[in-house]
Structures are given as C-alpha cells and as structure tokens.
Amino acid sequence: MPLVHVELIEGRSQEQLKQLVADITDAVTKNTGAPAEHVHVILDEMRKDRYAVAGVLKSDEK
C-alpha cells in the first residue's frame, strides 16, 4: 500500500486539491504498478502563521 504524505500551505481550492490527489495517484500507479485503490494520499495543510522561511512567517510576507 503506497502512502503519500503531502504538506502544503493552506489556500488551494477544493478543485486544486482534488486534481493534486488524482495526479499523485496516477504517478504512483504508473511508477509502482500499485492499483489506484491501494494508493493513499494524506494532505496536511498548514496555516500561514505556522510556517516560516528564513525566519519570516508566511503570514507576514507581503
């Protein structure tokens, strides 16, 4: 059972997330031979005020 864990900053639409998990599932099935029904994708969306790059919270970026 392939398990794909994706961490990303919140803000994508439901349609974008649906397409993302479909594309990930397709890539995993293509490259591993695992059937799609065995591919699990976990999306972990982080709040912008809980993620920083170079000491700056994403919520503070202009």
N, C-alpha and C. Protein backbone atom coordinates (compact mmCIF):
# COMPACT_ATOMS: atom_id res chain seq x y z
N MET A 1 0.84 -1.18 0.00
CA MET A 1 0.00 0.00 0.00
C MET A 1 0.89 1.24 0.00
N PRO A 2 1.02 1.93 -1.11
CA PRO A 2 1.76 3.19 -1.11
C PRO A 2 1.01 4.26 -0.31
N LEU A 3 1.77 4.98 0.50
CA LEU A 3 1.23 6.06 1.30
C LEU A 3 2.03 7.32 0.98
N VAL A 4 1.33 8.35 0.50
CA VAL A 4 1.99 9.61 0.11
C VAL A 4 1.48 10.69 1.06
N HIS A 5 2.41 11.35 1.71
CA HIS A 5 2.06 12.41 2.65
C HIS A 5 2.55 13.72 2.06
N VAL A 6 1.62 14.67 1.85
CA VAL A 6 1.95 15.96 1.24
C VAL A 6 1.67 17.05 2.27
N GLU A 7 2.68 17.86 2.55
CA GLU A 7 2.50 19.01 3.42
C GLU A 7 2.54 20.26 2.55
N LEU A 8 1.54 21.13 2.71
CA LEU A 8 1.49 22.34 1.92
C LEU A 8 0.80 23.44 2.71
N ILE A 9 1.06 24.66 2.32
CA ILE A 9 0.44 25.80 2.98
C ILE A 9 -0.99 25.92 2.49
N GLU A 10 -1.89 26.23 3.41
CA GLU A 10 -3.30 26.35 3.08
C GLU A 10 -3.52 27.40 2.00
N GLY A 11 -4.67 27.30 1.33
CA GLY A 11 -5.03 28.33 0.37
C GLY A 11 -5.44 27.80 -0.99
N ARG A 12 -5.30 26.50 -1.22
CA ARG A 12 -5.73 25.96 -2.52
C ARG A 12 -7.22 25.67 -2.48
N SER A 13 -7.84 25.74 -3.63
CA SER A 13 -9.27 25.43 -3.73
C SER A 13 -9.49 23.93 -3.63
N GLN A 14 -10.73 23.56 -3.36
CA GLN A 14 -11.08 22.14 -3.31
C GLN A 14 -10.79 21.47 -4.65
N GLU A 15 -11.04 22.17 -5.74
CA GLU A 15 -10.77 21.61 -7.07
C GLU A 15 -9.28 21.37 -7.27
N GLN A 16 -8.45 22.30 -6.83
CA GLN A 16 -7.00 22.12 -6.94
C GLN A 16 -6.53 20.91 -6.13
N LEU A 17 -7.08 20.75 -4.93
CA LEU A 17 -6.69 19.61 -4.10
C LEU A 17 -7.14 18.29 -4.72
N LYS A 18 -8.34 18.28 -5.30
CA LYS A 18 -8.83 17.08 -5.98
C LYS A 18 -7.92 16.70 -7.13
N GLN A 19 -7.51 17.69 -7.92
CA GLN A 19 -6.62 17.41 -9.05
C GLN A 19 -5.25 16.94 -8.57
N LEU A 20 -4.77 17.53 -7.49
CA LEU A 20 -3.48 17.14 -6.93
C LEU A 20 -3.48 15.68 -6.53
N VAL A 21 -4.50 15.24 -5.77
CA VAL A 21 -4.51 13.85 -5.34
C VAL A 21 -4.72 12.90 -6.52
N ALA A 22 -5.47 13.32 -7.51
CA ALA A 22 -5.63 12.48 -8.72
C ALA A 22 -4.31 12.33 -9.45
N ASP A 23 -3.57 13.43 -9.60
CA ASP A 23 -2.27 13.38 -10.29
C ASP A 23 -1.26 12.56 -9.50
N ILE A 24 -1.26 12.70 -8.19
CA ILE A 24 -0.34 11.91 -7.36
C ILE A 24 -0.66 10.43 -7.49
N THR A 25 -1.94 10.10 -7.41
CA THR A 25 -2.36 8.70 -7.54
C THR A 25 -1.95 8.14 -8.89
N ASP A 26 -2.15 8.89 -9.96
CA ASP A 26 -1.74 8.44 -11.29
C ASP A 26 -0.24 8.18 -11.35
N ALA A 27 0.55 9.10 -10.78
CA ALA A 27 2.01 8.94 -10.81
C ALA A 27 2.46 7.71 -10.03
N VAL A 28 1.85 7.48 -8.89
CA VAL A 28 2.23 6.32 -8.08
C VAL A 28 1.85 5.02 -8.78
N THR A 29 0.65 4.97 -9.33
CA THR A 29 0.24 3.74 -10.02
C THR A 29 1.12 3.49 -11.24
N LYS A 30 1.45 4.53 -11.99
CA LYS A 30 2.29 4.40 -13.17
C LYS A 30 3.69 3.89 -12.81
N ASN A 31 4.24 4.40 -11.73
CA ASN A 31 5.63 4.10 -11.41
C ASN A 31 5.84 2.94 -10.45
N THR A 32 4.78 2.46 -9.80
CA THR A 32 4.93 1.34 -8.88
C THR A 32 4.14 0.11 -9.29
N GLY A 33 3.15 0.31 -10.14
CA GLY A 33 2.28 -0.79 -10.51
C GLY A 33 1.19 -1.08 -9.49
N ALA A 34 1.16 -0.29 -8.42
CA ALA A 34 0.12 -0.49 -7.40
C ALA A 34 -1.22 -0.04 -7.97
N PRO A 35 -2.28 -0.76 -7.67
CA PRO A 35 -3.60 -0.33 -8.13
C PRO A 35 -4.03 0.94 -7.40
N ALA A 36 -4.77 1.79 -8.08
CA ALA A 36 -5.19 3.08 -7.52
C ALA A 36 -5.92 2.92 -6.19
N GLU A 37 -6.68 1.86 -6.04
CA GLU A 37 -7.43 1.69 -4.80
C GLU A 37 -6.55 1.38 -3.59
N HIS A 38 -5.26 1.14 -3.85
CA HIS A 38 -4.32 0.90 -2.76
C HIS A 38 -3.45 2.12 -2.46
N VAL A 39 -3.61 3.17 -3.23
CA VAL A 39 -2.79 4.37 -3.05
C VAL A 39 -3.52 5.33 -2.09
N HIS A 40 -2.84 5.64 -1.00
CA HIS A 40 -3.39 6.55 0.00
C HIS A 40 -2.63 7.86 -0.06
N VAL A 41 -3.35 8.98 -0.10
CA VAL A 41 -2.73 10.31 -0.13
C VAL A 41 -3.27 11.09 1.06
N ILE A 42 -2.34 11.62 1.86
CA ILE A 42 -2.70 12.44 3.01
C ILE A 42 -2.25 13.86 2.72
N LEU A 43 -3.18 14.81 2.79
CA LEU A 43 -2.85 16.22 2.62
C LEU A 43 -2.85 16.87 4.00
N ASP A 44 -1.75 17.49 4.33
CA ASP A 44 -1.62 18.18 5.60
C ASP A 44 -1.42 19.65 5.29
N GLU A 45 -2.48 20.45 5.48
CA GLU A 45 -2.41 21.87 5.17
C GLU A 45 -2.02 22.66 6.42
N MET A 46 -0.99 23.46 6.28
CA MET A 46 -0.51 24.28 7.39
C MET A 46 -1.04 25.69 7.26
N ARG A 47 -1.36 26.29 8.40
CA ARG A 47 -1.74 27.69 8.40
C ARG A 47 -0.52 28.53 8.09
N LYS A 48 -0.74 29.65 7.42
CA LYS A 48 0.37 30.53 7.04
C LYS A 48 1.08 31.11 8.26
N ASP A 49 0.39 31.19 9.38
CA ASP A 49 1.04 31.73 10.58
C ASP A 49 1.72 30.64 11.41
N ARG A 50 1.82 29.45 10.83
CA ARG A 50 2.51 28.34 11.49
C ARG A 50 3.66 27.79 10.65
N TYR A 51 4.07 28.55 9.62
CA TYR A 51 5.14 28.11 8.73
C TYR A 51 6.01 29.31 8.38
N ALA A 52 7.32 29.11 8.47
CA ALA A 52 8.24 30.22 8.22
C ALA A 52 9.38 29.78 7.31
N VAL A 53 9.90 30.73 6.56
CA VAL A 53 11.09 30.53 5.74
C VAL A 53 12.03 31.68 6.07
N ALA A 54 13.27 31.35 6.35
CA ALA A 54 14.29 32.35 6.67
C ALA A 54 13.86 33.26 7.82
N GLY A 55 13.16 32.68 8.80
CA GLY A 55 12.76 33.42 9.98
C GLY A 55 11.55 34.31 9.82
N VAL A 56 10.86 34.21 8.69
CA VAL A 56 9.69 35.05 8.43
C VAL A 56 8.47 34.15 8.22
N LEU A 57 7.44 34.39 9.03
CA LEU A 57 6.20 33.64 8.86
C LEU A 57 5.60 33.96 7.49
N LYS A 58 5.03 32.94 6.86
CA LYS A 58 4.41 33.17 5.55
C LYS A 58 3.26 34.18 5.66
N SER A 59 2.61 34.24 6.82
CA SER A 59 1.52 35.20 7.00
C SER A 59 2.02 36.63 7.05
N ASP A 60 3.30 36.84 7.31
CA ASP A 60 3.87 38.18 7.38
C ASP A 60 4.48 38.64 6.06
N GLU A 61 4.52 37.75 5.07
CA GLU A 61 5.07 38.14 3.77
C GLU A 61 4.12 39.08 3.06
N LYS A 62 4.68 39.97 2.28
CA LYS A 62 3.88 40.94 1.52
C LYS A 62 3.48 40.33 0.20
